[in-house]
N, C-alpha and C. Protein backbone atom coordinates (compact mmCIF):
# COMPACT_ATOMS: atom_id res chain seq x y z
N MET A 1 7.13 -50.07 29.55
CA MET A 1 6.64 -48.89 29.93
C MET A 1 6.98 -47.78 30.53
N ALA A 2 7.81 -48.18 31.45
CA ALA A 2 8.93 -46.84 31.89
C ALA A 2 9.78 -46.28 31.25
N GLY A 3 9.98 -46.94 30.16
CA GLY A 3 11.05 -46.28 29.13
C GLY A 3 10.22 -45.35 28.38
N LEU A 4 9.17 -46.09 28.17
CA LEU A 4 8.30 -44.75 27.24
C LEU A 4 8.05 -43.55 27.92
N ILE A 5 7.64 -43.77 29.31
CA ILE A 5 7.17 -42.50 30.15
C ILE A 5 7.91 -41.77 30.48
N TRP A 6 9.37 -41.91 30.63
CA TRP A 6 10.52 -41.11 31.13
C TRP A 6 10.80 -40.50 29.36
N ALA A 7 10.88 -41.24 28.12
CA ALA A 7 10.71 -40.46 27.39
C ALA A 7 9.95 -39.22 26.92
N ALA A 8 8.83 -39.47 27.09
CA ALA A 8 7.81 -38.51 27.17
C ALA A 8 7.97 -37.54 27.80
N LEU A 9 8.62 -37.71 29.21
CA LEU A 9 8.72 -36.49 30.23
C LEU A 9 10.24 -35.48 29.81
N ALA A 10 11.10 -36.31 29.05
CA ALA A 10 12.19 -35.78 28.40
C ALA A 10 11.88 -34.94 27.38
N SER A 11 10.83 -35.28 26.53
CA SER A 11 10.52 -35.02 25.12
C SER A 11 9.88 -33.57 25.62
N TYR A 12 9.18 -33.46 26.60
CA TYR A 12 8.03 -32.56 27.20
C TYR A 12 9.07 -31.44 27.74
N VAL A 13 10.01 -31.87 28.53
CA VAL A 13 10.89 -30.62 29.18
C VAL A 13 11.76 -30.18 28.30
N SER A 14 12.00 -31.49 26.83
CA SER A 14 13.16 -30.56 26.09
C SER A 14 12.23 -29.52 25.23
N VAL A 15 11.18 -29.46 25.23
CA VAL A 15 10.54 -28.68 24.50
C VAL A 15 10.39 -27.27 24.53
N LEU A 16 10.07 -27.80 26.54
CA LEU A 16 9.93 -26.29 27.22
C LEU A 16 11.30 -25.10 27.55
N VAL A 17 12.60 -26.26 27.45
CA VAL A 17 14.11 -25.57 27.38
C VAL A 17 14.29 -25.03 26.37
N MET A 18 14.28 -25.67 25.28
CA MET A 18 14.64 -25.15 24.20
C MET A 18 14.36 -23.28 23.34
N PRO A 19 13.39 -22.99 23.96
CA PRO A 19 13.27 -21.43 23.81
C PRO A 19 14.62 -20.55 24.36
N SER A 20 14.84 -21.24 25.71
CA SER A 20 15.81 -20.58 26.50
C SER A 20 17.35 -20.86 25.96
N LEU A 21 17.40 -21.42 25.11
CA LEU A 21 18.71 -22.34 24.81
C LEU A 21 19.38 -21.10 23.55
N GLY A 22 18.81 -20.48 23.05
CA GLY A 22 19.08 -19.26 21.79
C GLY A 22 18.79 -19.68 20.54
N ALA A 23 18.57 -18.65 19.88
CA ALA A 23 18.11 -18.90 18.28
C ALA A 23 19.06 -19.57 17.74
N GLY A 24 20.53 -19.24 17.87
CA GLY A 24 21.48 -19.41 17.03
C GLY A 24 22.08 -20.96 16.80
N ARG A 25 21.41 -21.77 17.71
CA ARG A 25 21.77 -23.09 17.70
C ARG A 25 20.75 -24.15 17.02
N ASP A 26 21.47 -25.05 16.37
CA ASP A 26 20.62 -26.26 15.78
C ASP A 26 20.52 -27.23 17.08
N LEU A 27 18.89 -27.11 17.22
CA LEU A 27 18.59 -28.25 18.17
C LEU A 27 17.68 -28.99 17.72
N THR A 28 17.77 -29.73 16.29
CA THR A 28 16.81 -30.74 15.89
C THR A 28 17.30 -31.83 16.73
N LEU A 29 18.43 -32.03 16.95
CA LEU A 29 18.85 -33.41 17.71
C LEU A 29 18.30 -33.69 19.56
N PHE A 30 18.40 -32.18 19.68
CA PHE A 30 18.12 -32.17 21.01
C PHE A 30 17.09 -32.99 21.76
N PRO A 31 15.42 -32.94 21.35
CA PRO A 31 14.60 -33.75 22.11
C PRO A 31 14.85 -35.21 21.56
N LEU A 32 15.56 -35.50 20.88
CA LEU A 32 15.37 -37.00 20.37
C LEU A 32 16.76 -37.54 21.10
N ILE A 33 17.66 -36.66 21.49
CA ILE A 33 18.55 -37.30 22.32
C ILE A 33 18.54 -37.35 23.93
N ASN A 34 17.43 -36.40 24.13
CA ASN A 34 16.89 -36.55 25.39
C ASN A 34 15.99 -37.44 25.71
N MET A 35 15.13 -37.95 24.69
CA MET A 35 14.17 -39.18 24.66
C MET A 35 14.89 -40.29 24.88
N ALA A 36 15.86 -40.68 23.89
CA ALA A 36 16.52 -41.55 24.25
C ALA A 36 16.74 -41.95 25.30
N LEU A 37 17.50 -40.61 26.02
CA LEU A 37 18.35 -41.02 27.49
C LEU A 37 17.27 -41.32 28.30
N GLY A 38 15.91 -40.31 28.18
CA GLY A 38 14.69 -40.89 29.24
C GLY A 38 14.45 -42.34 28.94
N PHE A 39 14.24 -42.61 27.66
CA PHE A 39 13.86 -44.02 27.53
C PHE A 39 14.69 -45.32 28.13
N LEU A 40 16.06 -44.87 28.01
CA LEU A 40 17.03 -45.73 28.35
C LEU A 40 17.05 -46.06 30.32
N PHE A 41 17.12 -44.81 30.56
CA PHE A 41 17.04 -44.75 32.17
C PHE A 41 15.80 -45.04 32.56
N GLY A 42 14.70 -44.98 31.89
CA GLY A 42 13.04 -45.14 32.45
C GLY A 42 13.54 -46.63 32.65
N TRP A 43 13.80 -47.38 31.41
CA TRP A 43 13.77 -48.73 31.21
C TRP A 43 14.62 -49.44 32.12
N ASN A 44 15.91 -48.91 32.36
CA ASN A 44 16.71 -49.77 33.04
C ASN A 44 16.61 -49.29 34.71
N MET A 45 16.02 -48.10 34.81
CA MET A 45 16.34 -47.74 36.63
C MET A 45 14.86 -48.02 37.12
N ALA A 46 13.58 -47.36 36.47
CA ALA A 46 12.43 -47.23 37.05
C ALA A 46 11.85 -48.76 36.74
N GLY A 47 11.76 -49.02 35.63
CA GLY A 47 11.28 -50.36 35.05
C GLY A 47 11.22 -51.41 35.95
N PRO A 48 12.72 -51.79 36.52
CA PRO A 48 12.87 -53.18 36.99
C PRO A 48 12.18 -53.14 38.79
N ARG A 49 11.81 -51.84 38.80
CA ARG A 49 11.73 -51.97 40.54
C ARG A 49 10.43 -51.46 40.70
N ALA A 50 9.41 -51.66 39.50
CA ALA A 50 8.22 -51.59 39.83
C ALA A 50 7.45 -52.81 40.41
N GLY A 51 6.68 -52.64 41.29
CA GLY A 51 6.01 -53.84 41.99
C GLY A 51 6.36 -53.66 43.29
N MET A 52 7.47 -52.78 43.98
CA MET A 52 7.88 -52.92 45.14
C MET A 52 7.10 -51.76 46.14
N GLY A 53 5.79 -51.17 45.49
CA GLY A 53 5.15 -50.47 46.62
C GLY A 53 5.19 -48.81 46.12
N TRP A 54 4.07 -48.25 46.30
CA TRP A 54 3.73 -46.98 45.75
C TRP A 54 4.84 -45.90 46.51
N LEU A 55 5.25 -45.97 47.47
CA LEU A 55 6.31 -45.03 48.08
C LEU A 55 7.56 -45.16 47.47
N THR A 56 7.89 -46.32 47.11
CA THR A 56 9.30 -47.01 46.80
C THR A 56 8.96 -46.07 45.11
N ALA A 57 7.83 -46.71 44.43
CA ALA A 57 7.57 -46.03 43.23
C ALA A 57 8.12 -44.69 43.27
N ILE A 58 7.40 -43.68 43.76
CA ILE A 58 7.94 -42.19 43.95
C ILE A 58 9.17 -41.85 44.19
N GLY A 59 9.71 -42.59 44.95
CA GLY A 59 11.53 -42.38 45.34
C GLY A 59 12.11 -43.00 44.10
N THR A 60 11.82 -44.18 43.31
CA THR A 60 12.93 -44.38 42.22
C THR A 60 12.33 -43.55 41.03
N ALA A 61 11.09 -43.11 41.33
CA ALA A 61 10.64 -41.78 40.06
C ALA A 61 11.50 -40.90 39.88
N GLY A 62 11.66 -40.36 41.15
CA GLY A 62 12.50 -39.17 41.59
C GLY A 62 13.73 -39.32 40.97
N THR A 63 14.50 -40.34 41.78
CA THR A 63 15.80 -40.98 40.93
C THR A 63 16.06 -40.91 40.15
N THR A 64 15.38 -41.62 39.03
CA THR A 64 15.26 -41.80 37.78
C THR A 64 15.27 -40.42 37.03
N THR A 65 14.41 -39.36 37.76
CA THR A 65 14.69 -38.28 36.66
C THR A 65 15.77 -37.59 37.03
N VAL A 66 16.22 -37.52 38.22
CA VAL A 66 17.17 -36.68 38.67
C VAL A 66 18.67 -37.03 37.87
N VAL A 67 19.00 -38.57 38.06
CA VAL A 67 19.69 -39.07 37.22
C VAL A 67 19.76 -38.95 35.51
N LEU A 68 18.41 -39.07 35.04
CA LEU A 68 18.42 -38.36 33.55
C LEU A 68 18.74 -36.75 33.29
N VAL A 69 18.03 -36.14 34.22
CA VAL A 69 18.55 -34.62 34.25
C VAL A 69 20.08 -34.66 34.15
N LEU A 70 20.64 -35.20 34.89
CA LEU A 70 22.26 -34.90 35.39
C LEU A 70 23.11 -35.49 33.78
N CYS A 71 22.77 -36.50 33.62
CA CYS A 71 23.26 -37.28 32.54
C CYS A 71 22.97 -36.57 31.16
N ALA A 72 21.92 -35.76 30.90
CA ALA A 72 21.87 -35.10 29.83
C ALA A 72 22.26 -34.07 29.80
N VAL A 73 22.30 -33.18 30.89
CA VAL A 73 22.85 -31.88 31.27
C VAL A 73 24.53 -32.16 30.80
N VAL A 74 25.19 -33.01 31.36
CA VAL A 74 26.46 -33.35 31.05
C VAL A 74 26.82 -33.80 29.82
N LEU A 75 25.98 -34.64 29.16
CA LEU A 75 26.25 -35.13 27.63
C LEU A 75 26.09 -33.73 26.68
N HIS A 76 24.95 -33.05 26.82
CA HIS A 76 24.65 -31.86 26.26
C HIS A 76 26.20 -31.12 26.31
N ALA A 77 26.83 -30.72 27.94
CA ALA A 77 27.57 -29.62 28.29
C ALA A 77 28.97 -30.53 27.13
N PHE A 78 29.23 -31.79 27.49
CA PHE A 78 30.37 -32.41 26.51
C PHE A 78 29.90 -32.00 24.66
N ALA A 79 28.85 -32.17 24.54
CA ALA A 79 29.00 -31.90 23.05
C ALA A 79 29.39 -30.32 22.77
N GLU A 80 28.70 -29.51 23.72
CA GLU A 80 29.04 -28.29 23.46
C GLU A 80 30.58 -28.20 23.63
N MET A 81 31.20 -28.59 24.51
CA MET A 81 32.40 -28.28 24.81
C MET A 81 33.47 -28.57 23.40
N VAL A 82 33.00 -30.04 22.76
CA VAL A 82 33.67 -30.47 21.59
C VAL A 82 33.25 -29.50 20.65
N ARG A 83 32.36 -29.04 20.13
CA ARG A 83 31.77 -28.07 19.59
C ARG A 83 32.88 -26.37 19.63
N LEU A 84 33.15 -26.07 20.80
CA LEU A 84 34.05 -25.22 21.00
C LEU A 84 35.52 -25.31 20.83
N ALA A 85 35.64 -26.64 20.94
CA ALA A 85 37.30 -27.22 20.81
C ALA A 85 37.70 -27.35 19.06
N PHE A 86 36.32 -27.71 18.47
CA PHE A 86 36.88 -27.32 16.99
C PHE A 86 36.65 -26.04 16.78
N LEU A 87 36.43 -24.99 17.41
CA LEU A 87 36.52 -23.67 17.11
C LEU A 87 37.68 -23.24 17.81
N GLN A 88 38.84 -23.81 18.23
CA GLN A 88 40.02 -23.69 18.58
C GLN A 88 39.74 -22.65 19.86
N ARG A 89 38.83 -22.93 20.75
CA ARG A 89 38.59 -22.07 22.17
C ARG A 89 39.71 -22.18 23.22
N TYR A 90 39.69 -23.50 22.77
CA TYR A 90 40.98 -24.05 24.24
C TYR A 90 42.22 -23.84 23.64
N GLN A 91 43.34 -23.89 24.86
CA GLN A 91 44.31 -24.24 24.51
C GLN A 91 45.02 -25.75 24.76
N ASP A 92 44.75 -26.46 25.67
CA ASP A 92 45.17 -27.46 25.46
C ASP A 92 43.71 -28.33 26.08
N ALA A 93 43.62 -29.93 26.13
CA ALA A 93 42.76 -30.67 26.29
C ALA A 93 41.93 -30.64 27.81
N SER A 94 43.05 -30.46 28.71
CA SER A 94 42.62 -30.31 30.06
C SER A 94 41.69 -28.92 30.62
N LEU A 95 41.98 -27.90 29.75
CA LEU A 95 41.47 -27.03 29.79
C LEU A 95 39.85 -27.21 29.42
N ALA A 96 39.69 -27.59 28.17
CA ALA A 96 38.59 -28.26 27.55
C ALA A 96 37.59 -28.97 28.57
N LEU A 97 37.96 -30.22 29.15
CA LEU A 97 37.43 -31.06 30.02
C LEU A 97 36.92 -30.27 31.61
N ILE A 98 37.67 -29.52 31.89
CA ILE A 98 37.40 -28.67 33.01
C ILE A 98 36.31 -27.49 32.49
N ASP A 99 36.25 -27.12 31.39
CA ASP A 99 35.06 -26.31 30.75
C ASP A 99 33.70 -27.06 30.77
N THR A 100 33.78 -28.09 30.40
CA THR A 100 32.61 -29.31 30.55
C THR A 100 31.89 -28.51 31.41
N PHE A 101 32.36 -28.91 33.08
CA PHE A 101 31.39 -28.58 34.17
C PHE A 101 31.22 -27.15 34.34
N ARG A 102 31.67 -26.30 33.71
CA ARG A 102 31.18 -24.79 33.68
C ARG A 102 30.19 -24.75 32.76
N ILE A 103 29.94 -25.28 31.66
CA ILE A 103 28.90 -25.44 30.43
C ILE A 103 27.62 -26.11 31.05
N SER A 104 28.08 -27.02 31.93
CA SER A 104 27.10 -28.05 32.94
C SER A 104 25.97 -27.07 33.76
N VAL A 105 26.98 -26.36 34.53
CA VAL A 105 26.60 -25.62 35.27
C VAL A 105 25.56 -24.51 34.57
N ARG A 106 25.92 -23.92 33.41
CA ARG A 106 24.95 -23.08 33.10
C ARG A 106 23.91 -23.61 32.27
N PHE A 107 24.23 -24.75 32.07
CA PHE A 107 22.99 -25.48 31.20
C PHE A 107 21.95 -25.81 32.37
N LEU A 108 22.64 -26.19 33.76
CA LEU A 108 21.37 -26.27 34.76
C LEU A 108 20.59 -25.01 35.08
N ARG A 109 21.14 -24.23 34.61
CA ARG A 109 20.63 -22.69 35.13
C ARG A 109 19.50 -22.41 34.00
N TYR A 110 19.31 -23.22 32.96
CA TYR A 110 18.43 -23.31 31.91
C TYR A 110 17.11 -23.96 32.35
N LEU A 111 17.49 -24.90 33.39
CA LEU A 111 16.13 -26.01 33.94
C LEU A 111 15.83 -25.34 35.26
N TYR A 112 16.61 -24.32 35.67
CA TYR A 112 15.92 -23.44 37.29
C TYR A 112 14.73 -22.46 36.75
N ARG A 113 13.74 -22.97 36.21
CA ARG A 113 12.90 -22.37 35.91
C ARG A 113 11.19 -23.14 36.54
N GLN A 114 10.28 -22.29 37.04
CA GLN A 114 9.11 -22.73 37.48
C GLN A 114 8.32 -23.86 36.62
N ASP A 115 8.19 -23.70 35.44
CA ASP A 115 7.39 -24.65 34.65
C ASP A 115 8.19 -25.85 34.50
N VAL A 116 9.83 -25.91 34.30
CA VAL A 116 10.47 -26.91 34.37
C VAL A 116 10.41 -27.81 35.51
N ILE A 117 10.63 -27.27 36.34
CA ILE A 117 10.65 -27.92 37.61
C ILE A 117 9.35 -28.45 37.94
N PHE A 118 8.27 -27.69 37.81
CA PHE A 118 6.93 -28.17 38.33
C PHE A 118 6.68 -29.66 37.10
N ALA A 119 7.11 -29.63 35.86
CA ALA A 119 6.92 -30.65 34.90
C ALA A 119 7.86 -31.70 35.37
N LEU A 120 9.10 -31.46 36.04
CA LEU A 120 9.79 -32.94 36.11
C LEU A 120 9.05 -33.43 37.40
N VAL A 121 8.64 -32.69 38.17
CA VAL A 121 8.44 -33.23 39.55
C VAL A 121 7.01 -33.78 39.21
N LEU A 122 5.98 -32.85 38.50
CA LEU A 122 4.75 -33.86 38.46
C LEU A 122 4.81 -34.89 37.39
N GLY A 123 5.57 -34.78 36.57
CA GLY A 123 5.98 -35.96 35.69
C GLY A 123 6.61 -37.09 36.14
N SER A 124 7.59 -36.78 37.10
CA SER A 124 8.26 -37.84 37.91
C SER A 124 7.18 -39.01 38.89
N VAL A 125 6.56 -37.73 39.64
CA VAL A 125 5.26 -38.79 39.87
C VAL A 125 4.54 -39.47 39.70
N ILE A 126 3.99 -38.90 38.69
CA ILE A 126 2.87 -39.58 37.67
C ILE A 126 3.30 -40.88 37.53
N GLY A 127 4.81 -40.49 36.42
CA GLY A 127 5.26 -41.64 36.04
C GLY A 127 5.44 -42.78 36.90
N GLY A 128 6.11 -42.34 38.13
CA GLY A 128 6.32 -43.36 39.25
C GLY A 128 5.02 -44.39 39.82
N LEU A 129 3.82 -43.43 39.72
CA LEU A 129 2.70 -43.93 40.06
C LEU A 129 2.19 -44.99 38.81
N LEU A 130 2.46 -44.53 37.43
CA LEU A 130 2.06 -45.23 36.15
C LEU A 130 2.80 -46.75 36.29
N THR A 131 4.27 -46.28 36.63
CA THR A 131 5.11 -47.83 36.13
C THR A 131 4.62 -48.40 37.17
N GLU A 132 4.50 -48.08 38.51
CA GLU A 132 3.78 -49.43 39.53
C GLU A 132 2.59 -49.77 39.61
N TRP A 133 1.80 -49.20 38.86
CA TRP A 133 0.63 -49.44 38.39
C TRP A 133 0.60 -50.62 37.17
N VAL A 134 1.42 -50.33 36.21
CA VAL A 134 1.67 -51.37 35.12
C VAL A 134 2.72 -52.67 35.74
N GLY A 135 3.44 -52.39 36.50
CA GLY A 135 4.03 -53.35 37.33
C GLY A 135 3.43 -54.49 37.89
N ARG A 136 2.33 -53.86 38.59
CA ARG A 136 1.29 -54.83 39.63
C ARG A 136 0.10 -55.60 38.67
N ARG A 137 0.06 -54.86 37.70
CA ARG A 137 -1.08 -55.44 36.37
C ARG A 137 -0.45 -56.48 35.79
N TRP A 138 1.02 -56.35 35.07
CA TRP A 138 1.38 -57.21 34.54
C TRP A 138 2.60 -58.15 34.80
N ARG A 139 2.85 -58.18 36.16
CA ARG A 139 3.86 -59.08 36.64
C ARG A 139 3.08 -60.56 37.29
């Protein structure tokens, strides 16, 4: 259940962020990749910790969401770096890898909006409480 909750949260936040990423990009896989990451982190991080208490559930949910966001940003930044590398924008591989962090910071700025932060925080808390409720009910 936790995997589905974080997949839904990742999908919703992806839809919120997509207009900020620019009109010239192919974003067909963007929400799907984020949903897969959300499912993976929800299932492996939040799911096993269900049943440990309501406050622990909220803390675990926050941790899961932060890790999900950071991993998604780095993954998409790496993909952008590879795209730029194929366009011969880098002189060597070390410059390309270093640029991944610059691109990550740029992508994090897209998330620094009130609606995105509100969705992440609220979705995280609701997801944690729902995961805890499901964990207590079916264990």
